[in-house]
Amino acid sequence: MRAAPMGLRRSWRPRGRLRPRSGPGPRSSSRRARLQLALGALGLLISSGALAEAGDPERASVAEEPRAAEGAAAPGTAGPAPGAPDPLFDDYFGDGFGDDFDAQPSSYPDPLESTNRGVFAFNRQVDKWILDPVTEAYRFVVPKPARDAVSRFFLNLGSTKTLVNDFLQLEWRDAGVTTGRLVVNSTVGIGGHFDVAEMIGLERHESDFGQTLALAGTPSGPYLVLPILGPANVRDGTGLVIDGFFQPTYYILGPADLLIGPSEVFLYGGTSGLSTRERHYAELKALEDSSIDFYAAMRSGYYQDRVAAIWGRRDGHRTREEPVFGSGKADPGQAEPDED
């Protein structure tokens, strides 16, 4: 047997069993000491906080409040009385919070709602089977520039109604603007097919006999849905009949003026006139598609449209409040008159 080389013979040594260490090393002892110091410091902080709370009555009462609230809300214990005021809510929002929302009406009074809903359902069938197809055919056959010209023509004819009501309302400036628009558009605008008056700064506005009655202090009366004509109220329905005698289209078309002419009073009924219906056809369809209760949405929309038409441009007007039907007081949604 050959002997191992000298280098390997020197580096080789027999391996024996490893013996365990007799005790922890210096590194393990230092870690344990640091952990004991941290636990001791934490215990001192907790004990000092408890002593400070016990010596300060105010801090102790504040600490007890959450516990008392938890105990009051626990099952089997008596909680706050139903309808009791919330002190945190009242302190933040004040006692009058919500009064403005309660004071604002959302529609005209509707004591005949069941009857109105029946008429409304009938009108929707008329819209579905007659007026909607006629409107869609009109929009399909007649290009938009021509439809706009027809709409401007009827609006120009209907400005005679606006002019008479401007005089009845003692709105002399509005009457002058309406007269100027009628003259300019009937001549330069070729019978009203072009709104030249708008280009020279004579802005159009709408006045009707329903507005005249409102400015005179006449209550609206209950909300009504008229067959074919759509939403109204007693005051505006009466005004519609009177306005018919102020428009030349009434003497040309007769009662058909309500279906073809420029009347804007029954806008949300969808049957106020082909030209008016065509202008707002997409809006009415969007309202119908997005409404859970289409009847309530139409009633609210009609109210908002009429309030805006009567009071929207009358800041500082001598009459600034509209009597509410059956309440004996002014509409809280309108501004109060200035006190002298």
Foldseek 3Di string as FASTA:
>chain_A
DDDDDPVVVVPDDDDDDDDDDPDDDPVVVVVVVVVVVVVVVVVVVVVVVVVVCVVDVVSVVVVCVVVVVVVCPDPPHPHDDPPDDDVVVCVVQNPCPPVVVVQADLFAAAPPVVVQVVLLVVLVVCCVPPVVVVLVVCPVPDDPLVLLLLLQLLVLLLLLQVLVLCVLQVVVVLNVLSVVQNVCCVPVVVNRSDRVSVVVPSDDADDWQLLSCQLVQHAQAHWHQDHLLGTGTPSVVVRVVVSLVRGVVCVVVPPCCQQAGNDPLSLLSLRRHSSSNSVCVVVNVVLVVPDPDSVSSSRSVSRVVVCCNNAVPQVPNPRWWHDGPPPPDTRPVTDDDDDD
